Amino acid sequence: MEEIKKDTAQKSQTEELKEKYGKVYRVGATIEVDDETEKNVEFFFKRPSTASYDRYVKTTAQGATKALKVFLFDNVVEESRASLEANLEKFPALALSIGEKLLGMLGLSKQTNLKML
């Protein structure tokens, strides 16, 4: 019964975010805090714009981690911002995991092939 309530609350939150931002994407991650503890986190993002990507590329020379965090904060919905900020303080490598997913939406591929002809 509790599972149904949680699912219904999740759907209504998602619907509210869709109304406010249009297309919204949920990024979930499981963080291994230690050998015995896992933490599940989720955040909601808008689709990254080309301008946001351009800013990311331009600021990468100043510091890759800082640029990636700015890219994430540029695209996170306001309702997930505080949670994202708190989790990035505790787990800084989380930015890489989430950033990879958002960059994938813009065409970053895990498998790109090059073959000499």
PDB file of N, CA and C in Angstrom:
ATOM      1  N   MET A   1       0.813  -1.188   0.000  1.00  0.00           N
ATOM      2  CA  MET A   1       0.000   0.000   0.000  1.00  0.00           C
ATOM      3  C   MET A   1       0.862   1.259   0.000  1.00  0.00           C
ATOM      4  N   GLU A   2       1.945   1.230   0.803  1.00  0.00           N
ATOM      5  CA  GLU A   2       2.843   2.365   0.870  1.00  0.00           C
ATOM      6  C   GLU A   2       3.512   2.602  -0.487  1.00  0.00           C
ATOM      7  N   GLU A   3       3.814   1.518  -1.187  1.00  0.00           N
ATOM      8  CA  GLU A   3       4.423   1.597  -2.523  1.00  0.00           C
ATOM      9  C   GLU A   3       3.500   2.330  -3.494  1.00  0.00           C
ATOM     10  N   ILE A   4       2.199   2.082  -3.407  1.00  0.00           N
ATOM     11  CA  ILE A   4       1.229   2.733  -4.289  1.00  0.00           C
ATOM     12  C   ILE A   4       1.173   4.228  -3.995  1.00  0.00           C
ATOM     13  N   LYS A   5       1.178   4.605  -2.716  1.00  0.00           N
ATOM     14  CA  LYS A   5       1.162   6.026  -2.341  1.00  0.00           C
ATOM     15  C   LYS A   5       2.398   6.741  -2.860  1.00  0.00           C
ATOM     16  N   LYS A   6       3.552   6.093  -2.731  1.00  0.00           N
ATOM     17  CA  LYS A   6       4.805   6.687  -3.192  1.00  0.00           C
ATOM     18  C   LYS A   6       4.767   6.864  -4.708  1.00  0.00           C
ATOM     19  N   ASP A   7       4.268   5.870  -5.424  1.00  0.00           N
ATOM     20  CA  ASP A   7       4.176   5.922  -6.877  1.00  0.00           C
ATOM     21  C   ASP A   7       3.234   7.036  -7.329  1.00  0.00           C
ATOM     22  N   THR A   8       2.110   7.185  -6.638  1.00  0.00           N
ATOM     23  CA  THR A   8       1.141   8.236  -6.965  1.00  0.00           C
ATOM     24  C   THR A   8       1.734   9.615  -6.705  1.00  0.00           C
ATOM     25  N   ALA A   9       2.435   9.774  -5.586  1.00  0.00           N
ATOM     26  CA  ALA A   9       3.080  11.053  -5.278  1.00  0.00           C
ATOM     27  C   ALA A   9       4.136  11.385  -6.322  1.00  0.00           C
ATOM     28  N   GLN A  10       4.888  10.380  -6.765  1.00  0.00           N
ATOM     29  CA  GLN A  10       5.913  10.573  -7.790  1.00  0.00           C
ATOM     30  C   GLN A  10       5.281  11.038  -9.092  1.00  0.00           C
ATOM     31  N   LYS A  11       4.150  10.426  -9.477  1.00  0.00           N
ATOM     32  CA  LYS A  11       3.482  10.802 -10.722  1.00  0.00           C
ATOM     33  C   LYS A  11       2.976  12.233 -10.664  1.00  0.00           C
ATOM     34  N   SER A  12       2.398  12.642  -9.525  1.00  0.00           N
ATOM     35  CA  SER A  12       1.880  14.003  -9.438  1.00  0.00           C
ATOM     36  C   SER A  12       3.022  15.017  -9.458  1.00  0.00           C
ATOM     37  N   GLN A  13       4.142  14.696  -8.815  1.00  0.00           N
ATOM     38  CA  GLN A  13       5.305  15.588  -8.849  1.00  0.00           C
ATOM     39  C   GLN A  13       5.827  15.705 -10.276  1.00  0.00           C
ATOM     40  N   THR A  14       5.903  14.594 -10.971  1.00  0.00           N
ATOM     41  CA  THR A  14       6.369  14.591 -12.355  1.00  0.00           C
ATOM     42  C   THR A  14       5.446  15.415 -13.237  1.00  0.00           C
ATOM     43  N   GLU A  15       4.144  15.273 -13.046  1.00  0.00           N
ATOM     44  CA  GLU A  15       3.184  16.041 -13.836  1.00  0.00           C
ATOM     45  C   GLU A  15       3.331  17.536 -13.589  1.00  0.00           C
ATOM     46  N   GLU A  16       3.533  17.915 -12.333  1.00  0.00           N
ATOM     47  CA  GLU A  16       3.730  19.331 -12.002  1.00  0.00           C
ATOM     48  C   GLU A  16       4.986  19.879 -12.690  1.00  0.00           C
ATOM     49  N   LEU A  17       6.066  19.098 -12.666  1.00  0.00           N
ATOM     50  CA  LEU A  17       7.311  19.536 -13.298  1.00  0.00           C
ATOM     51  C   LEU A  17       7.142  19.660 -14.811  1.00  0.00           C
ATOM     52  N   LYS A  18       6.406  18.722 -15.416  1.00  0.00           N
ATOM     53  CA  LYS A  18       6.164  18.780 -16.862  1.00  0.00           C
ATOM     54  C   LYS A  18       5.378  20.026 -17.235  1.00  0.00           C
ATOM     55  N   GLU A  19       4.391  20.372 -16.418  1.00  0.00           N
ATOM     56  CA  GLU A  19       3.599  21.566 -16.688  1.00  0.00           C
ATOM     57  C   GLU A  19       4.453  22.824 -16.601  1.00  0.00           C
ATOM     58  N   LYS A  20       5.362  22.837 -15.646  1.00  0.00           N
ATOM     59  CA  LYS A  20       6.184  24.023 -15.414  1.00  0.00           C
ATOM     60  C   LYS A  20       7.337  24.163 -16.414  1.00  0.00           C
ATOM     61  N   TYR A  21       8.003  23.034 -16.752  1.00  0.00           N
ATOM     62  CA  TYR A  21       9.225  23.089 -17.553  1.00  0.00           C
ATOM     63  C   TYR A  21       9.105  22.464 -18.943  1.00  0.00           C
ATOM     64  N   GLY A  22       8.012  21.802 -19.256  1.00  0.00           N
ATOM     65  CA  GLY A  22       7.917  21.070 -20.516  1.00  0.00           C
ATOM     66  C   GLY A  22       8.511  19.683 -20.330  1.00  0.00           C
ATOM     67  N   LYS A  23       9.398  19.280 -21.228  1.00  0.00           N
ATOM     68  CA  LYS A  23      10.043  17.968 -21.089  1.00  0.00           C
ATOM     69  C   LYS A  23      11.004  17.995 -19.912  1.00  0.00           C
ATOM     70  N   VAL A  24      10.849  17.005 -19.039  1.00  0.00           N
ATOM     71  CA  VAL A  24      11.684  16.882 -17.852  1.00  0.00           C
ATOM     72  C   VAL A  24      12.232  15.463 -17.812  1.00  0.00           C
ATOM     73  N   TYR A  25      13.475  15.334 -17.373  1.00  0.00           N
ATOM     74  CA  TYR A  25      14.132  14.033 -17.313  1.00  0.00           C
ATOM     75  C   TYR A  25      14.539  13.735 -15.879  1.00  0.00           C
ATOM     76  N   ARG A  26      14.277  12.498 -15.453  1.00  0.00           N
ATOM     77  CA  ARG A  26      14.678  12.054 -14.116  1.00  0.00           C
ATOM     78  C   ARG A  26      15.996  11.314 -14.240  1.00  0.00           C
ATOM     79  N   VAL A  27      16.968  11.732 -13.443  1.00  0.00           N
ATOM     80  CA  VAL A  27      18.249  11.033 -13.385  1.00  0.00           C
ATOM     81  C   VAL A  27      18.352  10.430 -11.992  1.00  0.00           C
ATOM     82  N   GLY A  28      18.442   9.116 -11.941  1.00  0.00           N
ATOM     83  CA  GLY A  28      18.574   8.414 -10.674  1.00  0.00           C
ATOM     84  C   GLY A  28      19.939   7.753 -10.601  1.00  0.00           C
ATOM     85  N   ALA A  29      20.479   7.681  -9.397  1.00  0.00           N
ATOM     86  CA  ALA A  29      21.780   7.046  -9.205  1.00  0.00           C
ATOM     87  C   ALA A  29      21.799   6.325  -7.863  1.00  0.00           C
ATOM     88  N   THR A  30      22.557   5.243  -7.809  1.00  0.00           N
ATOM     89  CA  THR A  30      22.785   4.534  -6.558  1.00  0.00           C
ATOM     90  C   THR A  30      24.245   4.734  -6.193  1.00  0.00           C
ATOM     91  N   ILE A  31      24.456   5.346  -5.048  1.00  0.00           N
ATOM     92  CA  ILE A  31      25.808   5.657  -4.588  1.00  0.00           C
ATOM     93  C   ILE A  31      26.189   4.643  -3.515  1.00  0.00           C
ATOM     94  N   GLU A  32      27.353   4.047  -3.657  1.00  0.00           N
ATOM     95  CA  GLU A  32      27.849   3.125  -2.645  1.00  0.00           C
ATOM     96  C   GLU A  32      28.638   3.935  -1.616  1.00  0.00           C
ATOM     97  N   VAL A  33      27.986   4.233  -0.493  1.00  0.00           N
ATOM     98  CA  VAL A  33      28.602   5.047   0.553  1.00  0.00           C
ATOM     99  C   VAL A  33      29.776   4.299   1.182  1.00  0.00           C
ATOM    100  N   ASP A  34      29.553   3.034   1.483  1.00  0.00           N
ATOM    101  CA  ASP A  34      30.607   2.137   1.956  1.00  0.00           C
ATOM    102  C   ASP A  34      30.208   0.722   1.562  1.00  0.00           C
ATOM    103  N   ASP A  35      30.927  -0.274   2.077  1.00  0.00           N
ATOM    104  CA  ASP A  35      30.653  -1.656   1.680  1.00  0.00           C
ATOM    105  C   ASP A  35      29.243  -2.131   2.027  1.00  0.00           C
ATOM    106  N   GLU A  36      28.646  -1.541   3.048  1.00  0.00           N
ATOM    107  CA  GLU A  36      27.352  -2.012   3.528  1.00  0.00           C
ATOM    108  C   GLU A  36      26.200  -1.050   3.255  1.00  0.00           C
ATOM    109  N   THR A  37      26.501   0.142   2.782  1.00  0.00           N
ATOM    110  CA  THR A  37      25.466   1.162   2.658  1.00  0.00           C
ATOM    111  C   THR A  37      25.385   1.705   1.239  1.00  0.00           C
ATOM    112  N   GLU A  38      24.170   1.759   0.730  1.00  0.00           N
ATOM    113  CA  GLU A  38      23.911   2.380  -0.567  1.00  0.00           C
ATOM    114  C   GLU A  38      22.914   3.499  -0.375  1.00  0.00           C
ATOM    115  N   LYS A  39      23.048   4.529  -1.193  1.00  0.00           N
ATOM    116  CA  LYS A  39      22.128   5.656  -1.128  1.00  0.00           C
ATOM    117  C   LYS A  39      21.567   5.885  -2.525  1.00  0.00           C
ATOM    118  N   ASN A  40      20.246   5.909  -2.631  1.00  0.00           N
ATOM    119  CA  ASN A  40      19.594   6.192  -3.907  1.00  0.00           C
ATOM    120  C   ASN A  40      19.235   7.670  -3.955  1.00  0.00           C
ATOM    121  N   VAL A  41      19.585   8.317  -5.045  1.00  0.00           N
ATOM    122  CA  VAL A  41      19.269   9.734  -5.235  1.00  0.00           C
ATOM    123  C   VAL A  41      18.609   9.909  -6.587  1.00  0.00           C
ATOM    124  N   GLU A  42      17.802  10.949  -6.693  1.00  0.00           N
ATOM    125  CA  GLU A  42      17.204  11.270  -7.979  1.00  0.00           C
ATOM    126  C   GLU A  42      17.051  12.777  -8.094  1.00  0.00           C
ATOM    127  N   PHE A  43      17.221  13.238  -9.315  1.00  0.00           N
ATOM    128  CA  PHE A  43      17.125  14.659  -9.611  1.00  0.00           C
ATOM    129  C   PHE A  43      16.379  14.806 -10.931  1.00  0.00           C
ATOM    130  N   PHE A  44      15.801  15.968 -11.133  1.00  0.00           N
ATOM    131  CA  PHE A  44      15.071  16.242 -12.363  1.00  0.00           C
ATOM    132  C   PHE A  44      15.778  17.360 -13.121  1.00  0.00           C
ATOM    133  N   PHE A  45      15.901  17.147 -14.433  1.00  0.00           N
ATOM    134  CA  PHE A  45      16.610  18.091 -15.286  1.00  0.00           C
ATOM    135  C   PHE A  45      15.786  18.453 -16.509  1.00  0.00           C
ATOM    136  N   LYS A  46      16.048  19.656 -17.018  1.00  0.00           N
ATOM    137  CA  LYS A  46      15.530  20.049 -18.328  1.00  0.00           C
ATOM    138  C   LYS A  46      16.534  19.536 -19.355  1.00  0.00           C
ATOM    139  N   ARG A  47      16.124  19.443 -20.592  1.00  0.00           N
ATOM    140  CA  ARG A  47      17.059  19.040 -21.644  1.00  0.00           C
ATOM    141  C   ARG A  47      18.088  20.149 -21.803  1.00  0.00           C
ATOM    142  N   PRO A  48      19.375  19.810 -21.770  1.00  0.00           N
ATOM    143  CA  PRO A  48      20.408  20.842 -21.919  1.00  0.00           C
ATOM    144  C   PRO A  48      20.316  21.520 -23.288  1.00  0.00           C
ATOM    145  N   SER A  49      20.514  22.809 -23.283  1.00  0.00           N
ATOM    146  CA  SER A  49      20.489  23.566 -24.535  1.00  0.00           C
ATOM    147  C   SER A  49      21.894  23.607 -25.133  1.00  0.00           C
ATOM    148  N   THR A  50      21.968  23.974 -26.386  1.00  0.00           N
ATOM    149  CA  THR A  50      23.268  24.119 -27.043  1.00  0.00           C
ATOM    150  C   THR A  50      24.075  25.227 -26.372  1.00  0.00           C
ATOM    151  N   ALA A  51      23.404  26.293 -25.963  1.00  0.00           N
ATOM    152  CA  ALA A  51      24.097  27.398 -25.282  1.00  0.00           C
ATOM    153  C   ALA A  51      24.712  26.920 -23.965  1.00  0.00           C
ATOM    154  N   SER A  52      23.995  26.082 -23.232  1.00  0.00           N
ATOM    155  CA  SER A  52      24.508  25.537 -21.985  1.00  0.00           C
ATOM    156  C   SER A  52      25.739  24.666 -22.255  1.00  0.00           C
ATOM    157  N   TYR A  53      25.680  23.866 -23.305  1.00  0.00           N
ATOM    158  CA  TYR A  53      26.817  23.029 -23.685  1.00  0.00           C
ATOM    159  C   TYR A  53      28.023  23.899 -24.081  1.00  0.00           C
ATOM    160  N   ASP A  54      27.766  24.957 -24.842  1.00  0.00           N
ATOM    161  CA  ASP A  54      28.851  25.860 -25.253  1.00  0.00           C
ATOM    162  C   ASP A  54      29.537  26.491 -24.038  1.00  0.00           C
ATOM    163  N   ARG A  55      28.748  26.902 -23.045  1.00  0.00           N
ATOM    164  CA  ARG A  55      29.333  27.460 -21.814  1.00  0.00           C
ATOM    165  C   ARG A  55      30.175  26.413 -21.103  1.00  0.00           C
ATOM    166  N   TYR A  56      29.691  25.186 -21.087  1.00  0.00           N
ATOM    167  CA  TYR A  56      30.434  24.086 -20.454  1.00  0.00           C
ATOM    168  C   TYR A  56      31.792  23.900 -21.127  1.00  0.00           C
ATOM    169  N   VAL A  57      31.791  23.832 -22.438  1.00  0.00           N
ATOM    170  CA  VAL A  57      33.043  23.629 -23.178  1.00  0.00           C
ATOM    171  C   VAL A  57      33.997  24.800 -22.952  1.00  0.00           C
ATOM    172  N   LYS A  58      33.457  26.003 -22.958  1.00  0.00           N
ATOM    173  CA  LYS A  58      34.286  27.203 -22.796  1.00  0.00           C
ATOM    174  C   LYS A  58      34.925  27.255 -21.404  1.00  0.00           C
ATOM    175  N   THR A  59      34.208  26.840 -20.374  1.00  0.00           N
ATOM    176  CA  THR A  59      34.734  26.936 -19.007  1.00  0.00           C
ATOM    177  C   THR A  59      35.523  25.705 -18.578  1.00  0.00           C
ATOM    178  N   THR A  60      35.542  24.662 -19.391  1.00  0.00           N
ATOM    179  CA  THR A  60      36.289  23.450 -19.038  1.00  0.00           C
ATOM    180  C   THR A  60      37.773  23.741 -18.862  1.00  0.00           C
ATOM    181  N   ALA A  61      38.321  24.681 -19.617  1.00  0.00           N
ATOM    182  CA  ALA A  61      39.743  25.019 -19.507  1.00  0.00           C
ATOM    183  C   ALA A  61      40.076  25.590 -18.128  1.00  0.00           C
ATOM    184  N   GLN A  62      39.116  26.210 -17.466  1.00  0.00           N
ATOM    185  CA  GLN A  62      39.340  26.794 -16.135  1.00  0.00           C
ATOM    186  C   GLN A  62      39.287  25.738 -15.043  1.00  0.00           C
ATOM    187  N   GLY A  63      38.661  24.621 -15.335  1.00  0.00           N
ATOM    188  CA  GLY A  63      38.556  23.529 -14.358  1.00  0.00           C
ATOM    189  C   GLY A  63      37.411  22.621 -14.746  1.00  0.00           C
ATOM    190  N   ALA A  64      37.729  21.372 -15.026  1.00  0.00           N
ATOM    191  CA  ALA A  64      36.728  20.436 -15.534  1.00  0.00           C
ATOM    192  C   ALA A  64      35.605  20.172 -14.531  1.00  0.00           C
ATOM    193  N   THR A  65      35.958  19.990 -13.264  1.00  0.00           N
ATOM    194  CA  THR A  65      34.944  19.689 -12.257  1.00  0.00           C
ATOM    195  C   THR A  65      34.015  20.872 -12.054  1.00  0.00           C
ATOM    196  N   LYS A  66      34.593  22.047 -11.965  1.00  0.00           N
ATOM    197  CA  LYS A  66      33.780  23.253 -11.773  1.00  0.00           C
ATOM    198  C   LYS A  66      32.864  23.470 -12.979  1.00  0.00           C
ATOM    199  N   ALA A  67      33.375  23.269 -14.173  1.00  0.00           N
ATOM    200  CA  ALA A  67      32.578  23.451 -15.387  1.00  0.00           C
ATOM    201  C   ALA A  67      31.422  22.458 -15.431  1.00  0.00           C
ATOM    202  N   LEU A  68      31.678  21.230 -15.017  1.00  0.00           N
ATOM    203  CA  LEU A  68      30.627  20.209 -15.022  1.00  0.00           C
ATOM    204  C   LEU A  68      29.536  20.540 -14.007  1.00  0.00           C
ATOM    205  N   LYS A  69      29.933  21.031 -12.830  1.00  0.00           N
ATOM    206  CA  LYS A  69      28.946  21.432 -11.831  1.00  0.00           C
ATOM    207  C   LYS A  69      28.093  22.590 -12.340  1.00  0.00           C
ATOM    208  N   VAL A  70      28.720  23.555 -12.980  1.00  0.00           N
ATOM    209  CA  VAL A  70      27.973  24.688 -13.542  1.00  0.00           C
ATOM    210  C   VAL A  70      26.998  24.187 -14.604  1.00  0.00           C
ATOM    211  N   PHE A  71      27.431  23.238 -15.425  1.00  0.00           N
ATOM    212  CA  PHE A  71      26.570  22.650 -16.447  1.00  0.00           C
ATOM    213  C   PHE A  71      25.356  21.977 -15.806  1.00  0.00           C
ATOM    214  N   LEU A  72      25.581  21.228 -14.726  1.00  0.00           N
ATOM    215  CA  LEU A  72      24.476  20.566 -14.037  1.00  0.00           C
ATOM    216  C   LEU A  72      23.502  21.579 -13.444  1.00  0.00           C
ATOM    217  N   PHE A  73      24.028  22.597 -12.756  1.00  0.00           N
ATOM    218  CA  PHE A  73      23.157  23.600 -12.137  1.00  0.00           C
ATOM    219  C   PHE A  73      22.435  24.442 -13.183  1.00  0.00           C
ATOM    220  N   ASP A  74      23.020  24.531 -14.355  1.00  0.00           N
ATOM    221  CA  ASP A  74      22.393  25.263 -15.455  1.00  0.00           C
ATOM    222  C   ASP A  74      21.133  24.550 -15.946  1.00  0.00           C
ATOM    223  N   ASN A  75      21.071  23.235 -15.766  1.00  0.00           N
ATOM    224  CA  ASN A  75      19.990  22.438 -16.343  1.00  0.00           C
ATOM    225  C   ASN A  75      19.079  21.757 -15.329  1.00  0.00           C
ATOM    226  N   VAL A  76      19.420  21.773 -14.055  1.00  0.00           N
ATOM    227  CA  VAL A  76      18.570  21.144 -13.047  1.00  0.00           C
ATOM    228  C   VAL A  76      17.335  22.017 -12.817  1.00  0.00           C
ATOM    229  N   VAL A  77      16.196  21.384 -12.551  1.00  0.00           N
ATOM    230  CA  VAL A  77      15.000  22.150 -12.229  1.00  0.00           C
ATOM    231  C   VAL A  77      15.154  22.704 -10.816  1.00  0.00           C
ATOM    232  N   GLU A  78      14.533  23.817 -10.560  1.00  0.00           N
ATOM    233  CA  GLU A  78      14.682  24.502  -9.272  1.00  0.00           C
ATOM    234  C   GLU A  78      14.316  23.598  -8.093  1.00  0.00           C
ATOM    235  N   GLU A  79      13.341  22.741  -8.265  1.00  0.00           N
ATOM    236  CA  GLU A  79      12.890  21.859  -7.191  1.00  0.00           C
ATOM    237  C   GLU A  79      13.944  20.828  -6.776  1.00  0.00           C
ATOM    238  N   SER A  80      14.909  20.527  -7.642  1.00  0.00           N
ATOM    239  CA  SER A  80      15.964  19.553  -7.328  1.00  0.00           C
ATOM    240  C   SER A  80      17.299  20.209  -7.007  1.00  0.00           C
ATOM    241  N   ARG A  81      17.378  21.504  -7.124  1.00  0.00           N
ATOM    242  CA  ARG A  81      18.647  22.228  -6.996  1.00  0.00           C
ATOM    243  C   ARG A  81      19.312  22.024  -5.624  1.00  0.00           C
ATOM    244  N   ALA A  82      18.577  22.217  -4.543  1.00  0.00           N
ATOM    245  CA  ALA A  82      19.156  22.107  -3.198  1.00  0.00           C
ATOM    246  C   ALA A  82      19.640  20.691  -2.920  1.00  0.00           C
ATOM    247  N   SER A  83      18.863  19.706  -3.329  1.00  0.00           N
ATOM    248  CA  SER A  83      19.251  18.311  -3.129  1.00  0.00           C
ATOM    249  C   SER A  83      20.518  17.974  -3.925  1.00  0.00           C
ATOM    250  N   LEU A  84      20.578  18.447  -5.160  1.00  0.00           N
ATOM    251  CA  LEU A  84      21.762  18.215  -5.993  1.00  0.00           C
ATOM    252  C   LEU A  84      22.996  18.854  -5.361  1.00  0.00           C
ATOM    253  N   GLU A  85      22.844  20.081  -4.908  1.00  0.00           N
ATOM    254  CA  GLU A  85      23.966  20.794  -4.293  1.00  0.00           C
ATOM    255  C   GLU A  85      24.483  20.052  -3.055  1.00  0.00           C
ATOM    256  N   ALA A  86      23.572  19.604  -2.206  1.00  0.00           N
ATOM    257  CA  ALA A  86      23.972  18.884  -0.990  1.00  0.00           C
ATOM    258  C   ALA A  86      24.664  17.565  -1.321  1.00  0.00           C
ATOM    259  N   ASN A  87      24.139  16.847  -2.295  1.00  0.00           N
ATOM    260  CA  ASN A  87      24.742  15.562  -2.661  1.00  0.00           C
ATOM    261  C   ASN A  87      26.084  15.733  -3.350  1.00  0.00           C
ATOM    262  N   LEU A  88      26.263  16.793  -4.127  1.00  0.00           N
ATOM    263  CA  LEU A  88      27.560  17.031  -4.764  1.00  0.00           C
ATOM    264  C   LEU A  88      28.625  17.428  -3.743  1.00  0.00           C
ATOM    265  N   GLU A  89      28.198  18.030  -2.633  1.00  0.00           N
ATOM    266  CA  GLU A  89      29.149  18.344  -1.557  1.00  0.00           C
ATOM    267  C   GLU A  89      29.685  17.057  -0.932  1.00  0.00           C
ATOM    268  N   LYS A  90      28.794  16.097  -0.704  1.00  0.00           N
ATOM    269  CA  LYS A  90      29.181  14.829  -0.077  1.00  0.00           C
ATOM    270  C   LYS A  90      29.853  13.876  -1.063  1.00  0.00           C
ATOM    271  N   PHE A  91      29.356  13.878  -2.309  1.00  0.00           N
ATOM    272  CA  PHE A  91      29.826  12.926  -3.324  1.00  0.00           C
ATOM    273  C   PHE A  91      30.200  13.680  -4.607  1.00  0.00           C
ATOM    274  N   PRO A  92      31.373  14.299  -4.648  1.00  0.00           N
ATOM    275  CA  PRO A  92      31.738  15.132  -5.801  1.00  0.00           C
ATOM    276  C   PRO A  92      31.804  14.375  -7.133  1.00  0.00           C
ATOM    277  N   ALA A  93      32.110  13.087  -7.115  1.00  0.00           N
ATOM    278  CA  ALA A  93      32.190  12.318  -8.365  1.00  0.00           C
ATOM    279  C   ALA A  93      30.814  12.068  -8.976  1.00  0.00           C
ATOM    280  N   LEU A  94      29.756  12.323  -8.230  1.00  0.00           N
ATOM    281  CA  LEU A  94      28.404  12.186  -8.752  1.00  0.00           C
ATOM    282  C   LEU A  94      28.192  13.106  -9.956  1.00  0.00           C
ATOM    283  N   ALA A  95      28.890  14.221  -9.971  1.00  0.00           N
ATOM    284  CA  ALA A  95      28.784  15.164 -11.100  1.00  0.00           C
ATOM    285  C   ALA A  95      29.180  14.488 -12.412  1.00  0.00           C
ATOM    286  N   LEU A  96      30.187  13.625 -12.373  1.00  0.00           N
ATOM    287  CA  LEU A  96      30.615  12.924 -13.583  1.00  0.00           C
ATOM    288  C   LEU A  96      29.530  11.989 -14.101  1.00  0.00           C
ATOM    289  N   SER A  97      28.917  11.248 -13.193  1.00  0.00           N
ATOM    290  CA  SER A  97      27.877  10.296 -13.592  1.00  0.00           C
ATOM    291  C   SER A  97      26.684  11.008 -14.215  1.00  0.00           C
ATOM    292  N   ILE A  98      26.215  12.051 -13.553  1.00  0.00           N
ATOM    293  CA  ILE A  98      25.051  12.777 -14.055  1.00  0.00           C
ATOM    294  C   ILE A  98      25.404  13.547 -15.325  1.00  0.00           C
ATOM    295  N   GLY A  99      26.557  14.181 -15.316  1.00  0.00           N
ATOM    296  CA  GLY A  99      26.985  14.961 -16.485  1.00  0.00           C
ATOM    297  C   GLY A  99      27.092  14.101 -17.731  1.00  0.00           C
ATOM    298  N   GLU A 100      27.565  12.875 -17.570  1.00  0.00           N
ATOM    299  CA  GLU A 100      27.673  11.959 -18.710  1.00  0.00           C
ATOM    300  C   GLU A 100      26.301  11.688 -19.323  1.00  0.00           C
ATOM    301  N   LYS A 101      25.305  11.507 -18.467  1.00  0.00           N
ATOM    302  CA  LYS A 101      23.940  11.251 -18.973  1.00  0.00           C
ATOM    303  C   LYS A 101      23.396  12.470 -19.711  1.00  0.00           C
ATOM    304  N   LEU A 102      23.608  13.661 -19.154  1.00  0.00           N
ATOM    305  CA  LEU A 102      23.105  14.872 -19.807  1.00  0.00           C
ATOM    306  C   LEU A 102      23.842  15.148 -21.114  1.00  0.00           C
ATOM    307  N   LEU A 103      25.144  14.925 -21.122  1.00  0.00           N
ATOM    308  CA  LEU A 103      25.915  15.115 -22.360  1.00  0.00           C
ATOM    309  C   LEU A 103      25.518  14.085 -23.408  1.00  0.00           C
ATOM    310  N   GLY A 104      25.127  12.899 -22.978  1.00  0.00           N
ATOM    311  CA  GLY A 104      24.638  11.874 -23.894  1.00  0.00           C
ATOM    312  C   GLY A 104      23.402  12.342 -24.648  1.00  0.00           C
ATOM    313  N   MET A 105      22.580  13.150 -23.997  1.00  0.00           N
ATOM    314  CA  MET A 105      21.385  13.688 -24.653  1.00  0.00           C
ATOM    315  C   MET A 105      21.754  14.644 -25.779  1.00  0.00           C
ATOM    316  N   LEU A 106      22.970  15.183 -25.719  1.00  0.00           N
ATOM    317  CA  LEU A 106      23.436  16.126 -26.739  1.00  0.00           C
ATOM    318  C   LEU A 106      24.332  15.467 -27.780  1.00  0.00           C
ATOM    319  N   GLY A 107      24.467  14.145 -27.687  1.00  0.00           N
ATOM    320  CA  GLY A 107      25.204  13.430 -28.724  1.00  0.00           C
ATOM    321  C   GLY A 107      26.498  12.777 -28.288  1.00  0.00           C
ATOM    322  N   LEU A 108      26.892  12.925 -27.016  1.00  0.00           N
ATOM    323  CA  LEU A 108      28.091  12.243 -26.547  1.00  0.00           C
ATOM    324  C   LEU A 108      27.830  10.743 -26.581  1.00  0.00           C
ATOM    325  N   SER A 109      28.668  10.024 -27.290  1.00  0.00           N
ATOM    326  CA  SER A 109      28.452   8.592 -27.474  1.00  0.00           C
ATOM    327  C   SER A 109      29.497   7.799 -26.712  1.00  0.00           C
ATOM    328  N   LYS A 110      29.075   6.686 -26.138  1.00  0.00           N
ATOM    329  CA  LYS A 110      30.017   5.792 -25.474  1.00  0.00           C
ATOM    330  C   LYS A 110      30.759   4.949 -26.501  1.00  0.00           C
ATOM    331  N   GLN A 111      30.130   4.707 -27.623  1.00  0.00           N
ATOM    332  CA  GLN A 111      30.768   3.888 -28.647  1.00  0.00           C
ATOM    333  C   GLN A 111      30.818   4.663 -29.962  1.00  0.00           C
ATOM    334  N   THR A 112      32.004   5.106 -30.283  1.00  0.00           N
ATOM    335  CA  THR A 112      32.242   5.770 -31.558  1.00  0.00           C
ATOM    336  C   THR A 112      33.368   4.994 -32.234  1.00  0.00           C
ATOM    337  N   ASN A 113      33.184   4.664 -33.484  1.00  0.00           N
ATOM    338  CA  ASN A 113      34.161   3.852 -34.195  1.00  0.00           C
ATOM    339  C   ASN A 113      34.888   4.678 -35.243  1.00  0.00           C
ATOM    340  N   LEU A 114      36.162   4.386 -35.392  1.00  0.00           N
ATOM    341  CA  LEU A 114      36.995   5.001 -36.422  1.00  0.00           C
ATOM    342  C   LEU A 114      37.720   3.861 -37.116  1.00  0.00           C
ATOM    343  N   LYS A 115      37.676   3.881 -38.440  1.00  0.00           N
ATOM    344  CA  LYS A 115      38.328   2.804 -39.182  1.00  0.00           C
ATOM    345  C   LYS A 115      39.035   3.403 -40.391  1.00  0.00           C
ATOM    346  N   MET A 116      40.309   3.094 -40.500  1.00  0.00           N
ATOM    347  CA  MET A 116      41.050   3.548 -41.658  1.00  0.00           C
ATOM    348  C   MET A 116      40.626   2.734 -42.870  1.00  0.00           C
ATOM    349  N   LEU A 117      40.325   3.413 -43.957  1.00  0.00           N
ATOM    350  CA  LEU A 117      39.885   2.728 -45.179  1.00  0.00           C
ATOM    351  C   LEU A 117      40.988   2.649 -46.197  1.00  0.00           C
TER     352      LEU A 117
END
